[in-house]
């Protein structure tokens, strides 16, 4: 079940990491190495740390959220950028069915020109991906996205793509999660999570 993270206070720090499994074989005779990327197996990880929260009233929603995760059972959205990536009101959608892999034709970018940069994110069908090339819209507001990780599911034609505040759908990495309370009702909340699919 998808649950909602509390809106405040916003995390003070989110440590992101990306795990791309690779099978490596090395010849006993020649010493040559051969690596095979397991393209459908990568996963995002994050460690979320909230700022210090003074007073029990300020931590109630976060305490309830941690328990509402039901250990590793439920999932939630973690925003992957610190601010809006784009201004305006983009309505970016998938352009064409049966697409997958590391590229996706899209439409709805508006005026032609540069839109997003290499290293920024988009969310396609609840999957967070990182752009590997700049997004440049043509005169018809169309652009092809090139990204990693491998798109696990082929999105439907016309499906929405989140470009302003992309997110990853995550779940707790450890079934034991909680909080720390110190003298003076000084609360600390931190938790590790991983992409949930």
N, C-alpha and C. Protein backbone atom coordinates (compact mmCIF):
# COMPACT_ATOMS: atom_id res chain seq x y z
N UNK A 1 0.84 -1.18 0.00
CA UNK A 1 0.00 0.00 0.00
C UNK A 1 0.89 1.24 0.00
N UNK A 2 0.49 2.26 -0.77
CA UNK A 2 1.23 3.52 -0.84
C UNK A 2 0.71 4.46 0.23
N UNK A 3 1.59 4.90 1.13
CA UNK A 3 1.21 5.85 2.17
C UNK A 3 1.93 7.17 1.93
N UNK A 4 1.53 8.22 2.63
CA UNK A 4 2.08 9.56 2.40
C UNK A 4 3.06 9.95 3.50
N UNK A 5 4.25 10.42 3.09
CA UNK A 5 5.20 10.97 4.05
C UNK A 5 4.67 12.30 4.57
N UNK A 6 4.88 12.63 5.83
CA UNK A 6 4.49 13.95 6.33
C UNK A 6 5.17 15.07 5.55
N UNK A 7 4.46 16.19 5.42
CA UNK A 7 4.98 17.32 4.65
C UNK A 7 6.01 18.13 5.43
N UNK A 8 5.94 18.11 6.76
CA UNK A 8 6.85 18.93 7.56
C UNK A 8 7.21 18.18 8.84
N UNK A 9 8.43 18.42 9.34
CA UNK A 9 9.48 19.18 8.67
C UNK A 9 10.07 18.37 7.51
N UNK A 10 10.56 19.08 6.52
CA UNK A 10 11.17 18.39 5.38
C UNK A 10 12.50 17.80 5.82
N UNK A 11 12.94 16.72 5.19
CA UNK A 11 14.22 16.12 5.58
C UNK A 11 15.38 17.12 5.51
N UNK A 12 16.27 17.03 6.48
CA UNK A 12 17.47 17.86 6.48
C UNK A 12 18.51 17.29 5.52
N UNK A 13 18.44 15.98 5.31
CA UNK A 13 19.43 15.32 4.47
C UNK A 13 18.84 14.04 3.91
N UNK A 14 19.11 13.79 2.63
CA UNK A 14 18.76 12.51 2.01
C UNK A 14 20.02 12.02 1.29
N UNK A 15 20.52 10.87 1.70
CA UNK A 15 21.70 10.28 1.06
C UNK A 15 21.23 9.26 0.03
N UNK A 16 21.49 9.55 -1.24
CA UNK A 16 21.05 8.67 -2.31
C UNK A 16 22.20 7.76 -2.75
N UNK A 17 21.85 6.53 -3.12
CA UNK A 17 22.81 5.63 -3.76
C UNK A 17 22.08 4.78 -4.78
N UNK A 18 22.84 4.29 -5.75
CA UNK A 18 22.27 3.52 -6.85
C UNK A 18 23.02 2.22 -6.97
N UNK A 19 22.30 1.12 -6.96
CA UNK A 19 22.91 -0.20 -7.05
C UNK A 19 22.58 -0.82 -8.41
N UNK A 20 23.60 -0.96 -9.24
CA UNK A 20 23.44 -1.62 -10.54
C UNK A 20 24.15 -2.96 -10.48
N UNK A 21 23.41 -4.05 -10.26
CA UNK A 21 24.06 -5.37 -10.20
C UNK A 21 24.73 -5.74 -11.52
N UNK A 22 25.92 -6.28 -11.39
CA UNK A 22 26.71 -6.70 -12.56
C UNK A 22 27.32 -8.06 -12.23
N UNK A 23 27.22 -8.99 -13.17
CA UNK A 23 27.86 -10.30 -13.00
C UNK A 23 29.22 -10.24 -13.68
N UNK A 24 30.28 -10.53 -12.93
CA UNK A 24 31.63 -10.45 -13.47
C UNK A 24 32.26 -11.83 -13.46
N UNK A 25 32.80 -12.21 -14.60
CA UNK A 25 33.53 -13.48 -14.74
C UNK A 25 34.95 -13.18 -15.19
N UNK A 26 35.92 -13.85 -14.60
CA UNK A 26 37.32 -13.66 -14.98
C UNK A 26 37.91 -15.01 -15.37
N UNK A 27 38.54 -15.04 -16.51
CA UNK A 27 39.14 -16.28 -17.00
C UNK A 27 40.32 -16.68 -16.13
N UNK A 28 40.34 -17.95 -15.73
CA UNK A 28 41.47 -18.47 -14.96
C UNK A 28 42.72 -18.61 -15.84
N UNK A 29 42.51 -18.69 -17.17
CA UNK A 29 43.64 -18.90 -18.07
C UNK A 29 44.25 -17.59 -18.56
N UNK A 30 43.41 -16.65 -18.95
CA UNK A 30 43.92 -15.40 -19.52
C UNK A 30 43.85 -14.22 -18.56
N UNK A 31 43.02 -14.34 -17.51
CA UNK A 31 42.85 -13.22 -16.57
C UNK A 31 41.93 -12.15 -17.09
N UNK A 32 41.36 -12.34 -18.30
CA UNK A 32 40.46 -11.34 -18.87
C UNK A 32 39.15 -11.33 -18.10
N UNK A 33 38.62 -10.15 -18.00
CA UNK A 33 37.38 -9.93 -17.24
C UNK A 33 36.23 -9.66 -18.19
N UNK A 34 35.10 -10.26 -17.89
CA UNK A 34 33.90 -10.00 -18.69
C UNK A 34 32.77 -9.63 -17.74
N UNK A 35 32.15 -8.48 -17.97
CA UNK A 35 31.08 -7.99 -17.10
C UNK A 35 29.76 -7.99 -17.86
N UNK A 36 28.71 -8.51 -17.22
CA UNK A 36 27.37 -8.51 -17.80
C UNK A 36 26.46 -7.70 -16.88
N UNK A 37 25.95 -6.61 -17.41
CA UNK A 37 25.06 -5.76 -16.63
C UNK A 37 23.68 -6.42 -16.57
N UNK A 38 23.16 -6.58 -15.36
CA UNK A 38 21.82 -7.13 -15.17
C UNK A 38 20.85 -5.96 -15.26
N UNK A 39 20.44 -5.65 -16.48
CA UNK A 39 19.77 -4.38 -16.78
C UNK A 39 18.45 -4.18 -16.06
N UNK A 40 17.73 -5.23 -15.74
CA UNK A 40 16.42 -5.07 -15.11
C UNK A 40 16.49 -5.10 -13.59
N UNK A 41 17.71 -5.16 -13.00
CA UNK A 41 17.84 -5.37 -11.56
C UNK A 41 18.30 -4.16 -10.74
N UNK A 42 18.56 -2.97 -11.31
CA UNK A 42 19.07 -1.87 -10.48
C UNK A 42 18.01 -1.35 -9.51
N UNK A 43 18.48 -0.66 -8.47
CA UNK A 43 17.58 -0.16 -7.44
C UNK A 43 18.19 1.08 -6.79
N UNK A 44 17.33 2.07 -6.50
CA UNK A 44 17.74 3.26 -5.75
C UNK A 44 17.63 2.98 -4.26
N UNK A 45 18.56 3.54 -3.51
CA UNK A 45 18.54 3.49 -2.04
C UNK A 45 18.64 4.91 -1.51
N UNK A 46 18.08 5.13 -0.33
CA UNK A 46 18.17 6.45 0.30
C UNK A 46 18.22 6.29 1.81
N UNK A 47 18.88 7.23 2.46
CA UNK A 47 18.86 7.33 3.92
C UNK A 47 18.32 8.72 4.23
N UNK A 48 17.15 8.78 4.86
CA UNK A 48 16.45 10.03 5.13
C UNK A 48 16.71 10.46 6.57
N UNK A 49 17.17 11.70 6.75
CA UNK A 49 17.42 12.25 8.08
C UNK A 49 16.64 13.54 8.23
N UNK A 50 15.81 13.61 9.26
CA UNK A 50 15.05 14.83 9.53
C UNK A 50 15.88 15.78 10.37
N UNK A 51 15.54 17.08 10.33
CA UNK A 51 16.20 18.00 11.26
C UNK A 51 15.75 17.67 12.68
N UNK A 52 16.46 18.19 13.67
CA UNK A 52 16.05 18.00 15.06
C UNK A 52 14.64 18.58 15.24
N UNK A 53 13.79 17.83 15.92
CA UNK A 53 12.42 18.27 16.18
C UNK A 53 12.28 18.47 17.68
N UNK A 54 11.96 19.68 18.09
CA UNK A 54 11.81 19.99 19.51
C UNK A 54 10.33 19.99 19.86
N UNK A 55 9.95 19.16 20.81
CA UNK A 55 8.57 19.08 21.26
C UNK A 55 7.83 17.93 20.61
N UNK A 56 7.03 17.26 21.42
CA UNK A 56 6.32 16.08 20.94
C UNK A 56 5.33 16.40 19.83
N UNK A 57 4.67 17.55 19.88
CA UNK A 57 3.68 17.90 18.85
C UNK A 57 4.30 17.88 17.45
N UNK A 58 5.55 18.29 17.33
CA UNK A 58 6.19 18.36 16.02
C UNK A 58 6.57 17.02 15.43
N UNK A 59 6.64 15.98 16.27
CA UNK A 59 7.10 14.68 15.78
C UNK A 59 5.95 13.68 15.61
N UNK A 60 4.75 14.04 16.04
CA UNK A 60 3.65 13.07 16.04
C UNK A 60 3.39 12.46 14.67
N UNK A 61 3.30 13.30 13.62
CA UNK A 61 3.04 12.77 12.27
C UNK A 61 4.14 11.83 11.81
N UNK A 62 5.40 12.16 12.13
CA UNK A 62 6.52 11.32 11.72
C UNK A 62 6.54 10.00 12.49
N UNK A 63 6.23 10.05 13.78
CA UNK A 63 6.16 8.80 14.54
C UNK A 63 5.08 7.88 13.95
N UNK A 64 3.92 8.48 13.66
CA UNK A 64 2.83 7.68 13.08
C UNK A 64 3.22 7.13 11.71
N UNK A 65 3.93 7.93 10.91
CA UNK A 65 4.38 7.47 9.59
C UNK A 65 5.29 6.25 9.71
N UNK A 66 6.27 6.32 10.62
CA UNK A 66 7.22 5.21 10.79
C UNK A 66 6.48 3.93 11.14
N UNK A 67 5.49 4.02 12.02
CA UNK A 67 4.73 2.83 12.40
C UNK A 67 3.79 2.40 11.28
N UNK A 68 3.21 3.38 10.55
CA UNK A 68 2.29 3.09 9.47
C UNK A 68 2.96 2.37 8.29
N UNK A 69 4.28 2.43 8.22
CA UNK A 69 5.01 1.72 7.16
C UNK A 69 4.87 0.21 7.32
N UNK A 70 4.45 -0.24 8.52
CA UNK A 70 4.32 -1.68 8.78
C UNK A 70 5.60 -2.42 8.42
N UNK A 71 6.70 -1.96 9.01
CA UNK A 71 8.00 -2.56 8.70
C UNK A 71 8.38 -2.25 7.27
N UNK A 72 8.57 -3.29 6.48
CA UNK A 72 8.96 -3.11 5.07
C UNK A 72 7.78 -3.30 4.12
N UNK A 73 6.56 -3.40 4.67
CA UNK A 73 5.40 -3.75 3.84
C UNK A 73 4.91 -2.61 2.95
N UNK A 74 4.74 -1.41 3.50
CA UNK A 74 4.14 -0.31 2.74
C UNK A 74 5.19 0.56 2.07
N UNK A 75 4.79 1.27 1.05
CA UNK A 75 5.71 2.13 0.31
C UNK A 75 5.27 3.59 0.40
N UNK A 76 6.18 4.48 0.00
CA UNK A 76 5.94 5.92 0.08
C UNK A 76 6.82 6.60 -0.96
N UNK A 77 6.51 7.85 -1.25
CA UNK A 77 7.28 8.60 -2.26
C UNK A 77 8.31 9.49 -1.59
N UNK A 78 9.55 9.42 -2.11
CA UNK A 78 10.62 10.30 -1.65
C UNK A 78 11.01 11.18 -2.84
N UNK A 79 10.86 12.49 -2.67
CA UNK A 79 11.20 13.44 -3.73
C UNK A 79 12.70 13.39 -3.98
N UNK A 80 13.09 13.38 -5.26
CA UNK A 80 14.50 13.17 -5.62
C UNK A 80 15.26 14.45 -5.92
N UNK A 81 14.63 15.62 -5.78
CA UNK A 81 15.33 16.87 -6.05
C UNK A 81 14.98 17.88 -4.96
N UNK A 82 15.81 18.90 -4.80
CA UNK A 82 15.66 19.85 -3.71
C UNK A 82 14.68 20.98 -4.04
N UNK A 83 14.40 21.17 -5.32
CA UNK A 83 13.48 22.23 -5.75
C UNK A 83 12.87 21.83 -7.08
N UNK A 84 11.88 22.59 -7.55
CA UNK A 84 11.29 22.30 -8.86
C UNK A 84 12.37 22.30 -9.93
N UNK A 85 12.37 21.29 -10.78
CA UNK A 85 13.35 21.23 -11.87
C UNK A 85 12.97 22.14 -13.04
N UNK A 86 11.68 22.45 -13.16
CA UNK A 86 11.19 23.25 -14.28
C UNK A 86 10.16 24.24 -13.78
N UNK A 87 10.09 25.37 -14.45
CA UNK A 87 9.02 26.32 -14.19
C UNK A 87 7.83 26.04 -15.09
N UNK A 88 6.84 26.91 -15.03
CA UNK A 88 5.66 26.74 -15.87
C UNK A 88 4.82 25.57 -15.41
N UNK A 89 4.01 25.08 -16.35
CA UNK A 89 3.11 23.98 -16.03
C UNK A 89 3.24 22.90 -17.10
N UNK A 90 4.40 22.20 -17.14
CA UNK A 90 4.58 21.19 -18.19
C UNK A 90 3.62 20.02 -18.04
N UNK A 91 3.14 19.56 -19.16
CA UNK A 91 2.24 18.40 -19.18
C UNK A 91 2.88 17.34 -20.08
N UNK A 92 3.97 16.77 -19.57
CA UNK A 92 4.77 15.84 -20.36
C UNK A 92 4.15 14.44 -20.29
N UNK A 93 4.02 13.81 -21.46
CA UNK A 93 3.41 12.49 -21.55
C UNK A 93 4.23 11.58 -22.46
N UNK A 94 4.01 10.28 -22.30
CA UNK A 94 4.62 9.29 -23.19
C UNK A 94 4.00 9.43 -24.57
N UNK A 95 4.83 9.39 -25.61
CA UNK A 95 4.35 9.52 -26.98
C UNK A 95 4.59 8.21 -27.73
N UNK A 96 3.60 7.33 -27.68
CA UNK A 96 3.71 6.04 -28.36
C UNK A 96 3.76 4.88 -27.38
N UNK A 97 3.12 3.81 -27.76
CA UNK A 97 3.06 2.61 -26.90
C UNK A 97 4.25 1.69 -27.16
N UNK A 98 4.40 0.68 -26.32
CA UNK A 98 5.39 -0.39 -26.47
C UNK A 98 6.83 0.12 -26.49
N UNK A 99 7.13 1.09 -25.63
CA UNK A 99 8.49 1.59 -25.51
C UNK A 99 9.12 1.04 -24.23
N UNK A 100 10.43 0.95 -24.23
CA UNK A 100 11.13 0.47 -23.05
C UNK A 100 12.62 0.66 -23.19
N UNK A 101 13.38 0.01 -22.32
CA UNK A 101 14.83 0.11 -22.37
C UNK A 101 15.33 1.37 -21.71
N UNK A 102 16.20 2.10 -22.43
CA UNK A 102 16.84 3.30 -21.88
C UNK A 102 16.43 4.58 -22.61
N UNK A 103 15.39 4.53 -23.43
CA UNK A 103 14.95 5.71 -24.17
C UNK A 103 13.43 5.72 -24.26
N UNK A 104 12.87 6.94 -24.35
CA UNK A 104 11.42 7.08 -24.39
C UNK A 104 11.05 8.33 -25.16
N UNK A 105 10.17 8.18 -26.18
CA UNK A 105 9.65 9.33 -26.92
C UNK A 105 8.56 9.99 -26.08
N UNK A 106 8.61 11.31 -25.99
CA UNK A 106 7.66 12.05 -25.15
C UNK A 106 7.13 13.27 -25.90
N UNK A 107 6.06 13.84 -25.37
CA UNK A 107 5.45 15.04 -25.94
C UNK A 107 4.95 15.91 -24.79
N UNK A 108 4.59 17.16 -25.12
CA UNK A 108 4.02 18.06 -24.12
C UNK A 108 5.01 18.97 -23.45
N UNK A 109 6.18 19.17 -24.05
CA UNK A 109 7.21 20.01 -23.45
C UNK A 109 7.00 21.49 -23.69
N UNK A 110 6.06 21.83 -24.58
CA UNK A 110 5.82 23.25 -24.85
C UNK A 110 6.78 23.80 -25.89
N UNK A 111 7.25 25.00 -25.67
CA UNK A 111 8.14 25.68 -26.62
C UNK A 111 9.40 24.86 -26.87
N UNK A 112 9.97 25.00 -28.09
CA UNK A 112 11.19 24.27 -28.39
C UNK A 112 12.37 24.79 -27.58
N UNK A 113 13.38 23.93 -27.43
CA UNK A 113 14.60 24.31 -26.74
C UNK A 113 14.94 23.39 -25.59
N UNK A 114 16.02 23.72 -24.84
CA UNK A 114 16.46 22.89 -23.72
C UNK A 114 15.44 22.88 -22.59
N UNK A 115 15.23 21.72 -22.00
CA UNK A 115 14.24 21.57 -20.91
C UNK A 115 14.87 21.06 -19.62
N UNK A 116 15.58 19.95 -19.69
CA UNK A 116 16.24 19.38 -18.52
C UNK A 116 17.67 19.01 -18.89
N UNK A 117 18.52 18.87 -17.86
CA UNK A 117 19.94 18.60 -18.08
C UNK A 117 20.29 17.15 -17.76
N UNK A 118 21.38 16.71 -18.33
CA UNK A 118 21.96 15.41 -17.96
C UNK A 118 22.20 15.42 -16.45
N UNK A 119 21.80 14.34 -15.78
CA UNK A 119 21.97 14.26 -14.33
C UNK A 119 20.71 14.61 -13.55
N UNK A 120 19.71 15.22 -14.21
CA UNK A 120 18.44 15.47 -13.55
C UNK A 120 17.56 14.22 -13.66
N UNK A 121 16.44 14.24 -12.96
CA UNK A 121 15.57 13.06 -12.88
C UNK A 121 14.23 13.28 -13.55
N UNK A 122 13.56 12.18 -13.87
CA UNK A 122 12.13 12.16 -14.19
C UNK A 122 11.56 10.88 -13.59
N UNK A 123 10.25 10.89 -13.36
CA UNK A 123 9.58 9.67 -12.88
C UNK A 123 8.61 9.21 -13.95
N UNK A 124 8.79 7.97 -14.40
CA UNK A 124 7.96 7.38 -15.44
C UNK A 124 7.25 6.17 -14.83
N UNK A 125 5.93 6.24 -14.73
CA UNK A 125 5.18 5.11 -14.16
C UNK A 125 5.66 4.71 -12.78
N UNK A 126 5.91 5.69 -11.92
CA UNK A 126 6.40 5.48 -10.55
C UNK A 126 7.83 4.94 -10.49
N UNK A 127 8.57 4.98 -11.60
CA UNK A 127 9.98 4.58 -11.58
C UNK A 127 10.85 5.81 -11.77
N UNK A 128 11.76 6.03 -10.82
CA UNK A 128 12.70 7.14 -10.91
C UNK A 128 13.84 6.76 -11.85
N UNK A 129 14.12 7.63 -12.83
CA UNK A 129 15.25 7.42 -13.73
C UNK A 129 16.06 8.71 -13.81
N UNK A 130 17.35 8.58 -14.09
CA UNK A 130 18.23 9.74 -14.24
C UNK A 130 18.52 9.96 -15.72
N UNK A 131 18.43 11.21 -16.14
CA UNK A 131 18.69 11.55 -17.54
C UNK A 131 20.18 11.43 -17.84
N UNK A 132 20.49 10.77 -18.95
CA UNK A 132 21.87 10.60 -19.37
C UNK A 132 22.26 11.55 -20.50
N UNK A 133 21.29 12.36 -20.97
CA UNK A 133 21.54 13.36 -22.01
C UNK A 133 20.55 14.50 -21.79
N UNK A 134 20.90 15.71 -22.22
CA UNK A 134 19.96 16.83 -22.08
C UNK A 134 18.67 16.56 -22.83
N UNK A 135 17.58 17.12 -22.31
CA UNK A 135 16.27 17.01 -22.98
C UNK A 135 16.07 18.30 -23.76
N UNK A 136 15.95 18.18 -25.08
CA UNK A 136 15.76 19.34 -25.96
C UNK A 136 14.51 19.10 -26.78
N UNK A 137 13.51 19.95 -26.57
CA UNK A 137 12.24 19.80 -27.28
C UNK A 137 12.35 20.35 -28.70
N UNK A 138 11.65 19.69 -29.62
CA UNK A 138 11.62 20.20 -31.00
C UNK A 138 10.48 21.21 -31.15
N UNK A 139 10.23 21.65 -32.38
CA UNK A 139 9.22 22.67 -32.63
C UNK A 139 7.81 22.22 -32.27
N UNK A 140 7.59 20.91 -32.17
CA UNK A 140 6.28 20.37 -31.80
C UNK A 140 6.17 20.02 -30.32
N UNK A 141 7.18 20.39 -29.53
CA UNK A 141 7.16 20.07 -28.10
C UNK A 141 7.44 18.62 -27.80
N UNK A 142 8.13 17.94 -28.70
CA UNK A 142 8.46 16.53 -28.51
C UNK A 142 9.95 16.39 -28.20
N UNK A 143 10.28 15.35 -27.42
CA UNK A 143 11.69 15.09 -27.10
C UNK A 143 11.84 13.62 -26.75
N UNK A 144 13.01 13.09 -27.02
CA UNK A 144 13.34 11.73 -26.63
C UNK A 144 14.18 11.78 -25.37
N UNK A 145 13.75 11.03 -24.34
CA UNK A 145 14.50 10.94 -23.10
C UNK A 145 15.47 9.77 -23.18
N UNK A 146 16.72 9.99 -22.76
CA UNK A 146 17.71 8.94 -22.63
C UNK A 146 18.10 8.86 -21.16
N UNK A 147 18.01 7.69 -20.56
CA UNK A 147 18.12 7.61 -19.11
C UNK A 147 18.65 6.26 -18.65
N UNK A 148 18.98 6.19 -17.38
CA UNK A 148 19.27 4.97 -16.65
C UNK A 148 18.52 5.11 -15.33
N UNK A 149 17.97 4.12 -14.76
CA UNK A 149 18.11 2.71 -15.05
C UNK A 149 17.16 2.28 -16.17
N UNK A 150 17.27 1.02 -16.50
CA UNK A 150 16.43 0.38 -17.50
C UNK A 150 14.97 0.49 -17.07
N UNK A 151 14.10 0.88 -18.00
CA UNK A 151 12.68 1.02 -17.71
C UNK A 151 12.07 -0.37 -17.53
N UNK A 152 11.59 -0.64 -16.32
CA UNK A 152 11.12 -1.99 -15.99
C UNK A 152 9.80 -2.34 -16.68
N UNK A 153 8.89 -1.37 -16.80
CA UNK A 153 7.59 -1.61 -17.42
C UNK A 153 7.38 -0.63 -18.57
N UNK A 154 6.78 -1.08 -19.64
CA UNK A 154 6.48 -0.21 -20.78
C UNK A 154 5.25 0.64 -20.43
N UNK A 155 5.39 1.98 -20.39
CA UNK A 155 4.25 2.83 -20.03
C UNK A 155 3.26 2.94 -21.19
N UNK A 156 2.03 3.22 -20.86
CA UNK A 156 0.99 3.39 -21.88
C UNK A 156 1.19 4.69 -22.64
N UNK A 157 0.75 4.70 -23.87
CA UNK A 157 0.76 5.94 -24.66
C UNK A 157 -0.09 6.98 -23.93
N UNK A 158 0.46 8.18 -23.74
CA UNK A 158 -0.25 9.24 -23.06
C UNK A 158 -0.08 9.26 -21.55
N UNK A 159 0.67 8.31 -21.00
CA UNK A 159 0.89 8.27 -19.55
C UNK A 159 1.69 9.50 -19.11
N UNK A 160 1.33 10.06 -17.96
CA UNK A 160 2.00 11.24 -17.41
C UNK A 160 3.43 10.91 -16.99
N UNK A 161 4.32 11.89 -17.15
CA UNK A 161 5.70 11.78 -16.69
C UNK A 161 5.94 12.95 -15.74
N UNK A 162 6.45 12.66 -14.55
CA UNK A 162 6.72 13.72 -13.57
C UNK A 162 8.09 14.33 -13.85
N UNK A 163 8.09 15.61 -14.25
CA UNK A 163 9.35 16.28 -14.58
C UNK A 163 9.66 17.43 -13.62
N UNK A 164 8.66 17.93 -12.92
CA UNK A 164 8.89 19.06 -12.02
C UNK A 164 9.50 18.62 -10.69
N UNK A 165 8.87 17.65 -10.02
CA UNK A 165 9.34 17.14 -8.73
C UNK A 165 9.38 15.61 -8.77
N UNK A 166 10.32 15.04 -9.52
CA UNK A 166 10.37 13.58 -9.65
C UNK A 166 10.62 12.91 -8.29
N UNK A 167 10.17 11.69 -8.19
CA UNK A 167 10.22 10.96 -6.92
C UNK A 167 10.53 9.49 -7.19
N UNK A 168 10.95 8.82 -6.12
CA UNK A 168 11.11 7.36 -6.15
C UNK A 168 10.08 6.77 -5.19
N UNK A 169 9.49 5.67 -5.56
CA UNK A 169 8.61 4.93 -4.65
C UNK A 169 9.51 4.00 -3.84
N UNK A 170 9.53 4.23 -2.53
CA UNK A 170 10.44 3.53 -1.64
C UNK A 170 9.68 2.78 -0.56
N UNK A 171 10.37 1.86 0.09
CA UNK A 171 9.87 1.21 1.30
C UNK A 171 11.06 1.11 2.26
N UNK A 172 10.76 0.90 3.53
CA UNK A 172 11.82 0.79 4.52
C UNK A 172 12.73 -0.39 4.18
N UNK A 173 14.02 -0.23 4.44
CA UNK A 173 14.99 -1.31 4.20
C UNK A 173 15.06 -2.27 5.36
N UNK A 174 14.66 -1.80 6.53
CA UNK A 174 14.76 -2.60 7.75
C UNK A 174 13.39 -2.63 8.42
N UNK A 175 12.93 -3.79 8.87
CA UNK A 175 11.62 -3.83 9.51
C UNK A 175 11.58 -3.13 10.87
N UNK A 176 12.76 -2.87 11.46
CA UNK A 176 12.81 -2.17 12.74
C UNK A 176 13.16 -0.71 12.51
N UNK A 177 12.18 0.18 12.64
CA UNK A 177 12.38 1.61 12.45
C UNK A 177 11.75 2.34 13.61
N UNK A 178 12.29 3.52 13.91
CA UNK A 178 11.76 4.28 15.04
C UNK A 178 12.31 5.68 15.09
N UNK A 179 12.53 6.16 16.31
CA UNK A 179 12.98 7.52 16.53
C UNK A 179 13.78 7.56 17.81
N UNK A 180 14.50 8.65 18.02
CA UNK A 180 15.27 8.86 19.24
C UNK A 180 14.72 10.10 19.92
N UNK A 181 14.51 10.02 21.23
CA UNK A 181 14.09 11.21 21.98
C UNK A 181 15.13 11.45 23.07
N UNK A 182 15.56 12.70 23.15
CA UNK A 182 16.57 13.11 24.13
C UNK A 182 15.94 14.07 25.13
N UNK A 183 16.74 14.52 26.08
CA UNK A 183 16.26 15.44 27.11
C UNK A 183 15.63 16.67 26.48
N UNK A 184 14.52 17.11 27.03
CA UNK A 184 13.83 18.29 26.52
C UNK A 184 12.98 18.02 25.30
N UNK A 185 12.53 16.79 25.14
CA UNK A 185 11.73 16.39 23.98
C UNK A 185 12.41 16.76 22.66
N UNK A 186 13.68 16.44 22.59
CA UNK A 186 14.48 16.67 21.38
C UNK A 186 14.49 15.37 20.59
N UNK A 187 13.77 15.35 19.46
CA UNK A 187 13.56 14.13 18.69
C UNK A 187 14.47 14.08 17.46
N UNK A 188 14.90 12.87 17.14
CA UNK A 188 15.66 12.61 15.92
C UNK A 188 14.99 11.44 15.19
N UNK A 189 14.78 11.62 13.90
CA UNK A 189 14.18 10.57 13.07
C UNK A 189 15.07 10.37 11.86
N UNK A 190 15.50 9.14 11.63
CA UNK A 190 16.27 8.81 10.44
C UNK A 190 15.93 7.38 10.04
N UNK A 191 15.90 7.13 8.74
CA UNK A 191 15.56 5.77 8.30
C UNK A 191 16.16 5.48 6.93
N UNK A 192 16.59 4.23 6.71
CA UNK A 192 17.06 3.81 5.39
C UNK A 192 15.88 3.24 4.61
N UNK A 193 15.86 3.49 3.32
CA UNK A 193 14.79 2.95 2.48
C UNK A 193 15.37 2.56 1.12
N UNK A 194 14.59 1.78 0.39
CA UNK A 194 15.02 1.29 -0.92
C UNK A 194 13.86 1.31 -1.89
N UNK A 195 14.20 1.41 -3.16
CA UNK A 195 13.16 1.45 -4.19
C UNK A 195 12.28 0.22 -4.08
N UNK A 196 10.98 0.45 -4.17
CA UNK A 196 10.00 -0.61 -3.97
C UNK A 196 9.25 -0.86 -5.27
N UNK A 197 9.39 -2.06 -5.81
CA UNK A 197 8.67 -2.42 -7.04
C UNK A 197 8.40 -3.89 -7.07
